[in-house]
């Protein structure tokens, strides 16, 4: 429910879409995004480590069963998509899927819950959903971008990589055009990864904020169906980010 008494609709929306920031200009840091994403990362890491220590070869508990299902799903996707020695690809894919999913899942909490709690602690602004911040989604996609080049150089060497970039797909005589198309293709990957995740989560966050502005009886009527549908969105976006990362690294690892 909305606790935006005394605020106009535009002020309420602006309040919920404003990050807690420190610094100026290019070096401005969104502290809420950094802190929330880090805490969720450590939470997931600790949970998986605890499940691994308590794992049994007998009848597993519900938590162990859930972790095993996620692990097997990710492992299956890596085997089907990545051609070659997976190395760190499987752990990376598992980390991406689970971490993005839990960050997305924060959007299912009541809109005013976390900002209200932080307000009680004296913090004026706190944007709860890390993946609704383009800084985080671009940081993740740029990390994938760097890994794409690492796998390219590892699989083909510098000479092989340059040969591929300058000769495919039109041959050596059209090397400048080949290089232009290659650069467009490579830079489109992190941009599409970042904007897809950000756009979906920002839209979901905005819908929840708009629902919170409705009368109380409409909030439950509209919020419940949207929350159920949003479960599919947050899961799908985590899966898409993971599977595209695997595909891009597989393409980089292949020698032509």
C-alpha atoms as a PDB file:
ATOM      1  CA  UNK A   1       0.000   0.000   0.000  1.00  0.00           C
ATOM      2  CA  UNK A   2       1.110   3.560  -0.643  1.00  0.00           C
ATOM      3  CA  UNK A   3       2.463   5.638   2.215  1.00  0.00           C
ATOM      4  CA  UNK A   4       2.839   8.690  -0.001  1.00  0.00           C
ATOM      5  CA  UNK A   5       0.459  10.896   2.003  1.00  0.00           C
ATOM      6  CA  UNK A   6       1.223  14.545   1.419  1.00  0.00           C
ATOM      7  CA  UNK A   7       2.940  13.871  -1.918  1.00  0.00           C
ATOM      8  CA  UNK A   8       1.495  14.494  -5.344  1.00  0.00           C
ATOM      9  CA  UNK A   9       1.514  11.610  -7.826  1.00  0.00           C
ATOM     10  CA  UNK A  10       4.548  12.989  -9.664  1.00  0.00           C
ATOM     11  CA  UNK A  11       6.419  13.584  -6.398  1.00  0.00           C
ATOM     12  CA  UNK A  12       5.610  10.059  -5.218  1.00  0.00           C
ATOM     13  CA  UNK A  13       6.876   8.537  -8.477  1.00  0.00           C
ATOM     14  CA  UNK A  14      10.009  10.717  -8.429  1.00  0.00           C
ATOM     15  CA  UNK A  15      10.692   9.717  -4.824  1.00  0.00           C
ATOM     16  CA  UNK A  16      10.573   5.998  -5.655  1.00  0.00           C
ATOM     17  CA  UNK A  17      12.719   6.362  -8.783  1.00  0.00           C
ATOM     18  CA  UNK A  18      15.466   8.413  -7.098  1.00  0.00           C
ATOM     19  CA  UNK A  19      18.643   6.610  -6.062  1.00  0.00           C
ATOM     20  CA  UNK A  20      20.665   7.228  -2.926  1.00  0.00           C
ATOM     21  CA  UNK A  21      23.791   8.740  -4.453  1.00  0.00           C
ATOM     22  CA  UNK A  22      27.233   9.855  -3.414  1.00  0.00           C
ATOM     23  CA  UNK A  23      29.796  11.681  -5.528  1.00  0.00           C
ATOM     24  CA  UNK A  24      29.434  13.988  -8.493  1.00  0.00           C
ATOM     25  CA  UNK A  25      29.409  13.745 -12.266  1.00  0.00           C
ATOM     26  CA  UNK A  26      30.785  10.571 -13.838  1.00  0.00           C
ATOM     27  CA  UNK A  27      31.913   9.230 -10.462  1.00  0.00           C
ATOM     28  CA  UNK A  28      28.447   9.369  -8.893  1.00  0.00           C
ATOM     29  CA  UNK A  29      27.701   6.068  -7.157  1.00  0.00           C
ATOM     30  CA  UNK A  30      24.204   4.702  -6.566  1.00  0.00           C
ATOM     31  CA  UNK A  31      24.724   3.363  -3.052  1.00  0.00           C
ATOM     32  CA  UNK A  32      21.339   1.626  -2.867  1.00  0.00           C
ATOM     33  CA  UNK A  33      22.099  -0.389  -6.006  1.00  0.00           C
ATOM     34  CA  UNK A  34      25.585  -1.315  -4.817  1.00  0.00           C
ATOM     35  CA  UNK A  35      24.522  -2.258  -1.296  1.00  0.00           C
ATOM     36  CA  UNK A  36      21.363  -4.182  -2.242  1.00  0.00           C
ATOM     37  CA  UNK A  37      23.023  -6.146  -5.059  1.00  0.00           C
ATOM     38  CA  UNK A  38      26.043  -6.965  -2.853  1.00  0.00           C
ATOM     39  CA  UNK A  39      23.881  -8.105   0.065  1.00  0.00           C
ATOM     40  CA  UNK A  40      21.777 -10.312  -2.201  1.00  0.00           C
ATOM     41  CA  UNK A  41      24.932 -11.732  -3.782  1.00  0.00           C
ATOM     42  CA  UNK A  42      26.411 -12.650  -0.394  1.00  0.00           C
ATOM     43  CA  UNK A  43      23.037 -14.031   0.700  1.00  0.00           C
ATOM     44  CA  UNK A  44      22.835 -16.362  -2.303  1.00  0.00           C
ATOM     45  CA  UNK A  45      26.491 -17.353  -1.953  1.00  0.00           C
ATOM     46  CA  UNK A  46      26.008 -18.156   1.720  1.00  0.00           C
ATOM     47  CA  UNK A  47      22.815 -20.093   1.042  1.00  0.00           C
ATOM     48  CA  UNK A  48      24.413 -22.239  -1.654  1.00  0.00           C
ATOM     49  CA  UNK A  49      27.491 -22.849   0.505  1.00  0.00           C
ATOM     50  CA  UNK A  50      25.265 -23.895   3.422  1.00  0.00           C
ATOM     51  CA  UNK A  51      23.264 -26.261   1.192  1.00  0.00           C
ATOM     52  CA  UNK A  52      26.512 -27.762  -0.160  1.00  0.00           C
ATOM     53  CA  UNK A  53      27.792 -28.435   3.362  1.00  0.00           C
ATOM     54  CA  UNK A  54      24.488 -29.989   4.417  1.00  0.00           C
ATOM     55  CA  UNK A  55      23.978 -31.954   1.184  1.00  0.00           C
ATOM     56  CA  UNK A  56      23.145 -35.625   1.548  1.00  0.00           C
ATOM     57  CA  UNK A  57      23.206 -38.514  -0.908  1.00  0.00           C
ATOM     58  CA  UNK A  58      20.029 -39.830   0.678  1.00  0.00           C
ATOM     59  CA  UNK A  59      16.609 -38.237   0.444  1.00  0.00           C
ATOM     60  CA  UNK A  60      17.267 -34.509  -0.046  1.00  0.00           C
ATOM     61  CA  UNK A  61      15.297 -31.795   1.697  1.00  0.00           C
ATOM     62  CA  UNK A  62      13.254 -29.232  -0.168  1.00  0.00           C
ATOM     63  CA  UNK A  63      16.018 -26.638  -0.246  1.00  0.00           C
ATOM     64  CA  UNK A  64      18.611 -29.092  -1.521  1.00  0.00           C
ATOM     65  CA  UNK A  65      16.147 -30.329  -4.137  1.00  0.00           C
ATOM     66  CA  UNK A  66      15.505 -26.758  -5.331  1.00  0.00           C
ATOM     67  CA  UNK A  67      19.233 -26.027  -5.581  1.00  0.00           C
ATOM     68  CA  UNK A  68      19.814 -29.297  -7.468  1.00  0.00           C
ATOM     69  CA  UNK A  69      17.048 -28.466  -9.945  1.00  0.00           C
ATOM     70  CA  UNK A  70      18.590 -25.051 -10.643  1.00  0.00           C
ATOM     71  CA  UNK A  71      22.077 -26.549 -10.927  1.00  0.00           C
ATOM     72  CA  UNK A  72      20.952 -29.279 -13.333  1.00  0.00           C
ATOM     73  CA  UNK A  73      19.004 -26.795 -15.460  1.00  0.00           C
ATOM     74  CA  UNK A  74      22.022 -24.519 -15.844  1.00  0.00           C
ATOM     75  CA  UNK A  75      24.382 -27.431 -16.455  1.00  0.00           C
ATOM     76  CA  UNK A  76      22.052 -28.779 -19.158  1.00  0.00           C
ATOM     77  CA  UNK A  77      21.933 -25.408 -20.920  1.00  0.00           C
ATOM     78  CA  UNK A  78      25.727 -25.105 -20.865  1.00  0.00           C
ATOM     79  CA  UNK A  79      26.166 -28.625 -22.301  1.00  0.00           C
ATOM     80  CA  UNK A  80      23.655 -27.942 -25.076  1.00  0.00           C
ATOM     81  CA  UNK A  81      24.892 -24.484 -26.048  1.00  0.00           C
ATOM     82  CA  UNK A  82      28.615 -24.209 -25.238  1.00  0.00           C
ATOM     83  CA  UNK A  83      30.812 -26.195 -27.604  1.00  0.00           C
ATOM     84  CA  UNK A  84      34.115 -27.025 -25.991  1.00  0.00           C
ATOM     85  CA  UNK A  85      35.500 -27.257 -22.481  1.00  0.00           C
ATOM     86  CA  UNK A  86      32.999 -25.267 -20.355  1.00  0.00           C
ATOM     87  CA  UNK A  87      35.605 -24.376 -17.723  1.00  0.00           C
ATOM     88  CA  UNK A  88      34.224 -21.432 -15.776  1.00  0.00           C
ATOM     89  CA  UNK A  89      31.189 -20.992 -18.060  1.00  0.00           C
ATOM     90  CA  UNK A  90      28.901 -23.221 -15.980  1.00  0.00           C
ATOM     91  CA  UNK A  91      29.696 -21.502 -12.630  1.00  0.00           C
ATOM     92  CA  UNK A  92      29.367 -18.112 -14.346  1.00  0.00           C
ATOM     93  CA  UNK A  93      25.989 -19.056 -15.843  1.00  0.00           C
ATOM     94  CA  UNK A  94      24.734 -20.335 -12.486  1.00  0.00           C
ATOM     95  CA  UNK A  95      25.870 -17.134 -10.757  1.00  0.00           C
ATOM     96  CA  UNK A  96      24.213 -14.934 -13.359  1.00  0.00           C
ATOM     97  CA  UNK A  97      20.890 -16.771 -13.283  1.00  0.00           C
ATOM     98  CA  UNK A  98      20.512 -16.919  -9.509  1.00  0.00           C
ATOM     99  CA  UNK A  99      21.889 -13.451  -8.797  1.00  0.00           C
ATOM    100  CA  UNK A 100      19.786 -11.726 -11.472  1.00  0.00           C
ATOM    101  CA  UNK A 101      16.712 -13.668 -10.352  1.00  0.00           C
ATOM    102  CA  UNK A 102      16.966 -12.617  -6.691  1.00  0.00           C
ATOM    103  CA  UNK A 103      17.663  -8.996  -7.651  1.00  0.00           C
ATOM    104  CA  UNK A 104      14.623  -9.051  -9.925  1.00  0.00           C
ATOM    105  CA  UNK A 105      12.528 -10.709  -7.201  1.00  0.00           C
ATOM    106  CA  UNK A 106      12.912  -7.653  -4.946  1.00  0.00           C
ATOM    107  CA  UNK A 107      10.336  -6.063  -7.249  1.00  0.00           C
ATOM    108  CA  UNK A 108       7.704  -8.416  -5.796  1.00  0.00           C
ATOM    109  CA  UNK A 109       7.968  -6.795  -2.364  1.00  0.00           C
ATOM    110  CA  UNK A 110       5.453  -4.031  -1.541  1.00  0.00           C
ATOM    111  CA  UNK A 111       6.542  -0.815  -3.236  1.00  0.00           C
ATOM    112  CA  UNK A 112       6.752   1.199  -0.021  1.00  0.00           C
ATOM    113  CA  UNK A 113       8.221  -1.477   2.248  1.00  0.00           C
ATOM    114  CA  UNK A 114      11.966  -0.980   1.779  1.00  0.00           C
ATOM    115  CA  UNK A 115      11.818   2.832   1.209  1.00  0.00           C
ATOM    116  CA  UNK A 116       9.703   3.143   4.374  1.00  0.00           C
ATOM    117  CA  UNK A 117      12.127   1.055   6.439  1.00  0.00           C
ATOM    118  CA  UNK A 118      15.088   3.059   5.150  1.00  0.00           C
ATOM    119  CA  UNK A 119      13.172   6.278   5.811  1.00  0.00           C
ATOM    120  CA  UNK A 120      12.703   5.208   9.421  1.00  0.00           C
ATOM    121  CA  UNK A 121      16.480   4.766   9.564  1.00  0.00           C
ATOM    122  CA  UNK A 122      16.975   8.328   8.314  1.00  0.00           C
ATOM    123  CA  UNK A 123      17.697   7.536   4.647  1.00  0.00           C
ATOM    124  CA  UNK A 124      15.733   9.812   2.333  1.00  0.00           C
ATOM    125  CA  UNK A 125      15.838   7.722  -0.854  1.00  0.00           C
ATOM    126  CA  UNK A 126      16.330   4.027  -1.444  1.00  0.00           C
ATOM    127  CA  UNK A 127      15.553   2.402  -4.780  1.00  0.00           C
ATOM    128  CA  UNK A 128      14.951  -1.237  -3.971  1.00  0.00           C
ATOM    129  CA  UNK A 129      15.339  -3.057  -7.325  1.00  0.00           C
ATOM    130  CA  UNK A 130      19.003  -3.141  -8.444  1.00  0.00           C
ATOM    131  CA  UNK A 131      18.245  -4.385 -11.972  1.00  0.00           C
ATOM    132  CA  UNK A 132      15.992  -1.356 -12.592  1.00  0.00           C
ATOM    133  CA  UNK A 133      19.210   0.700 -12.475  1.00  0.00           C
ATOM    134  CA  UNK A 134      20.926   0.819 -15.909  1.00  0.00           C
ATOM    135  CA  UNK A 135      24.303   1.295 -14.216  1.00  0.00           C
ATOM    136  CA  UNK A 136      24.139  -2.229 -12.806  1.00  0.00           C
ATOM    137  CA  UNK A 137      22.818  -3.901 -15.960  1.00  0.00           C
ATOM    138  CA  UNK A 138      25.486  -2.195 -18.079  1.00  0.00           C
ATOM    139  CA  UNK A 139      28.196  -3.173 -15.580  1.00  0.00           C
ATOM    140  CA  UNK A 140      27.133  -6.810 -15.853  1.00  0.00           C
ATOM    141  CA  UNK A 141      26.900  -6.703 -19.655  1.00  0.00           C
ATOM    142  CA  UNK A 142      30.317  -5.026 -19.959  1.00  0.00           C
ATOM    143  CA  UNK A 143      31.790  -7.830 -17.858  1.00  0.00           C
ATOM    144  CA  UNK A 144      30.338 -10.311 -20.357  1.00  0.00           C
ATOM    145  CA  UNK A 145      31.767  -8.142 -23.171  1.00  0.00           C
ATOM    146  CA  UNK A 146      35.269  -8.408 -21.697  1.00  0.00           C
ATOM    147  CA  UNK A 147      34.883 -12.179 -21.319  1.00  0.00           C
ATOM    148  CA  UNK A 148      33.877 -12.450 -24.979  1.00  0.00           C
ATOM    149  CA  UNK A 149      37.242 -11.008 -25.995  1.00  0.00           C
ATOM    150  CA  UNK A 150      39.093 -13.122 -23.442  1.00  0.00           C
ATOM    151  CA  UNK A 151      37.568 -16.273 -24.938  1.00  0.00           C
ATOM    152  CA  UNK A 152      38.260 -15.022 -28.480  1.00  0.00           C
ATOM    153  CA  UNK A 153      41.951 -14.506 -27.766  1.00  0.00           C
ATOM    154  CA  UNK A 154      42.208 -17.748 -25.816  1.00  0.00           C
ATOM    155  CA  UNK A 155      40.650 -19.861 -28.573  1.00  0.00           C
ATOM    156  CA  UNK A 156      42.127 -18.176 -31.658  1.00  0.00           C
ATOM    157  CA  UNK A 157      45.127 -16.193 -30.515  1.00  0.00           C
ATOM    158  CA  UNK A 158      45.718 -12.605 -31.536  1.00  0.00           C
ATOM    159  CA  UNK A 159      46.505 -13.521 -35.143  1.00  0.00           C
ATOM    160  CA  UNK A 160      43.479 -15.771 -35.534  1.00  0.00           C
ATOM    161  CA  UNK A 161      41.193 -13.200 -33.981  1.00  0.00           C
ATOM    162  CA  UNK A 162      42.421 -10.410 -36.267  1.00  0.00           C
ATOM    163  CA  UNK A 163      42.154 -12.683 -39.304  1.00  0.00           C
ATOM    164  CA  UNK A 164      38.564 -13.530 -38.436  1.00  0.00           C
ATOM    165  CA  UNK A 165      37.649  -9.900 -37.749  1.00  0.00           C
ATOM    166  CA  UNK A 166      39.167  -8.687 -41.034  1.00  0.00           C
ATOM    167  CA  UNK A 167      38.117 -11.490 -43.399  1.00  0.00           C
ATOM    168  CA  UNK A 168      34.656 -12.621 -42.244  1.00  0.00           C
ATOM    169  CA  UNK A 169      32.157 -12.568 -43.836  1.00  0.00           C
ATOM    170  CA  UNK A 170      33.137 -10.860 -47.120  1.00  0.00           C
ATOM    171  CA  UNK A 171      36.774 -11.884 -47.537  1.00  0.00           C
ATOM    172  CA  UNK A 172      40.090 -10.066 -47.147  1.00  0.00           C
ATOM    173  CA  UNK A 173      39.434  -7.624 -50.011  1.00  0.00           C
ATOM    174  CA  UNK A 174      36.633  -5.999 -48.009  1.00  0.00           C
ATOM    175  CA  UNK A 175      38.509  -5.941 -44.693  1.00  0.00           C
ATOM    176  CA  UNK A 176      37.325  -2.427 -43.656  1.00  0.00           C
ATOM    177  CA  UNK A 177      33.685  -3.411 -44.093  1.00  0.00           C
ATOM    178  CA  UNK A 178      34.265  -6.686 -42.251  1.00  0.00           C
ATOM    179  CA  UNK A 179      35.802  -4.790 -39.334  1.00  0.00           C
ATOM    180  CA  UNK A 180      32.923  -2.296 -39.212  1.00  0.00           C
ATOM    181  CA  UNK A 181      30.335  -5.081 -39.153  1.00  0.00           C
ATOM    182  CA  UNK A 182      32.333  -6.928 -36.489  1.00  0.00           C
ATOM    183  CA  UNK A 183      32.505  -3.861 -34.259  1.00  0.00           C
ATOM    184  CA  UNK A 184      28.767  -3.235 -34.640  1.00  0.00           C
ATOM    185  CA  UNK A 185      28.041  -6.880 -33.790  1.00  0.00           C
ATOM    186  CA  UNK A 186      30.323  -6.898 -30.758  1.00  0.00           C
ATOM    187  CA  UNK A 187      29.093  -3.611 -29.290  1.00  0.00           C
ATOM    188  CA  UNK A 188      25.454  -4.536 -29.878  1.00  0.00           C
ATOM    189  CA  UNK A 189      25.791  -7.541 -27.561  1.00  0.00           C
ATOM    190  CA  UNK A 190      26.408  -5.730 -24.238  1.00  0.00           C
ATOM    191  CA  UNK A 191      23.992  -2.943 -25.163  1.00  0.00           C
ATOM    192  CA  UNK A 192      21.161  -5.375 -25.892  1.00  0.00           C
ATOM    193  CA  UNK A 193      21.926  -7.415 -22.770  1.00  0.00           C
ATOM    194  CA  UNK A 194      21.845  -4.358 -20.523  1.00  0.00           C
ATOM    195  CA  UNK A 195      18.846  -2.606 -22.046  1.00  0.00           C
ATOM    196  CA  UNK A 196      16.677  -5.733 -22.216  1.00  0.00           C
ATOM    197  CA  UNK A 197      17.059  -6.463 -18.506  1.00  0.00           C
ATOM    198  CA  UNK A 198      16.836  -2.808 -17.461  1.00  0.00           C
ATOM    199  CA  UNK A 199      13.818  -2.070 -19.645  1.00  0.00           C
ATOM    200  CA  UNK A 200      11.754  -4.982 -18.392  1.00  0.00           C
ATOM    201  CA  UNK A 201      12.536  -4.386 -14.732  1.00  0.00           C
ATOM    202  CA  UNK A 202      12.051  -0.616 -14.978  1.00  0.00           C
ATOM    203  CA  UNK A 203       8.657  -1.155 -16.614  1.00  0.00           C
ATOM    204  CA  UNK A 204       7.651  -3.648 -13.919  1.00  0.00           C
ATOM    205  CA  UNK A 205       8.769  -1.289 -11.166  1.00  0.00           C
ATOM    206  CA  UNK A 206       6.810   1.570 -12.727  1.00  0.00           C
ATOM    207  CA  UNK A 207       3.638  -0.518 -12.968  1.00  0.00           C
ATOM    208  CA  UNK A 208       3.862  -1.412  -9.268  1.00  0.00           C
ATOM    209  CA  UNK A 209       4.380   2.260  -8.383  1.00  0.00           C
ATOM    210  CA  UNK A 210       1.340   3.292 -10.417  1.00  0.00           C
ATOM    211  CA  UNK A 211      -0.754   0.566  -8.782  1.00  0.00           C
ATOM    212  CA  UNK A 212       0.359   1.857  -5.362  1.00  0.00           C
ATOM    213  CA  UNK A 213      -1.162   5.230  -6.254  1.00  0.00           C
ATOM    214  CA  UNK A 214      -4.598   3.652  -6.704  1.00  0.00           C
ATOM    215  CA  UNK A 215      -7.174   3.387  -3.896  1.00  0.00           C
ATOM    216  CA  UNK A 216      -6.574   0.516  -1.471  1.00  0.00           C
ATOM    217  CA  UNK A 217      -9.299  -1.729  -2.857  1.00  0.00           C
ATOM    218  CA  UNK A 218      -7.838  -1.406  -6.385  1.00  0.00           C
ATOM    219  CA  UNK A 219      -4.266  -2.044  -5.238  1.00  0.00           C
ATOM    220  CA  UNK A 220      -5.045  -5.656  -4.340  1.00  0.00           C
ATOM    221  CA  UNK A 221      -7.302  -6.149  -7.339  1.00  0.00           C
ATOM    222  CA  UNK A 222      -4.658  -4.943  -9.795  1.00  0.00           C
ATOM    223  CA  UNK A 223      -1.500  -5.790  -7.878  1.00  0.00           C
ATOM    224  CA  UNK A 224      -2.081  -9.503  -7.314  1.00  0.00           C
ATOM    225  CA  UNK A 225      -2.514 -10.471 -11.020  1.00  0.00           C
ATOM    226  CA  UNK A 226       0.412  -8.273 -12.028  1.00  0.00           C
ATOM    227  CA  UNK A 227       2.638  -9.790  -9.308  1.00  0.00           C
ATOM    228  CA  UNK A 228       1.779 -13.311 -10.503  1.00  0.00           C
ATOM    229  CA  UNK A 229       2.543 -12.356 -14.102  1.00  0.00           C
ATOM    230  CA  UNK A 230       5.717 -10.561 -12.992  1.00  0.00           C
ATOM    231  CA  UNK A 231       7.077 -13.792 -11.509  1.00  0.00           C
ATOM    232  CA  UNK A 232       7.295 -15.069 -15.092  1.00  0.00           C
ATOM    233  CA  UNK A 233       9.035 -11.878 -16.211  1.00  0.00           C
ATOM    234  CA  UNK A 234      11.721 -11.890 -13.511  1.00  0.00           C
ATOM    235  CA  UNK A 235      12.475 -15.561 -14.145  1.00  0.00           C
ATOM    236  CA  UNK A 236      12.523 -15.156 -17.912  1.00  0.00           C
ATOM    237  CA  UNK A 237      14.830 -12.141 -17.788  1.00  0.00           C
ATOM    238  CA  UNK A 238      17.299 -13.988 -15.558  1.00  0.00           C
ATOM    239  CA  UNK A 239      17.212 -16.966 -17.943  1.00  0.00           C
ATOM    240  CA  UNK A 240      17.652 -14.791 -21.047  1.00  0.00           C
ATOM    241  CA  UNK A 241      20.653 -12.957 -19.571  1.00  0.00           C
ATOM    242  CA  UNK A 242      22.209 -16.316 -18.662  1.00  0.00           C
ATOM    243  CA  UNK A 243      21.533 -18.086 -21.968  1.00  0.00           C
ATOM    244  CA  UNK A 244      22.749 -15.170 -24.091  1.00  0.00           C
ATOM    245  CA  UNK A 245      25.947 -15.035 -22.055  1.00  0.00           C
ATOM    246  CA  UNK A 246      26.516 -18.737 -22.752  1.00  0.00           C
ATOM    247  CA  UNK A 247      25.783 -18.246 -26.469  1.00  0.00           C
ATOM    248  CA  UNK A 248      28.133 -15.278 -26.797  1.00  0.00           C
ATOM    249  CA  UNK A 249      30.971 -17.085 -25.024  1.00  0.00           C
ATOM    250  CA  UNK A 250      30.366 -20.189 -27.160  1.00  0.00           C
ATOM    251  CA  UNK A 251      30.574 -18.101 -30.333  1.00  0.00           C
ATOM    252  CA  UNK A 252      33.796 -16.503 -29.093  1.00  0.00           C
ATOM    253  CA  UNK A 253      35.286 -19.906 -28.246  1.00  0.00           C
ATOM    254  CA  UNK A 254      34.716 -21.358 -31.708  1.00  0.00           C
ATOM    255  CA  UNK A 255      37.515 -21.295 -34.287  1.00  0.00           C
ATOM    256  CA  UNK A 256      36.472 -20.846 -37.924  1.00  0.00           C
END
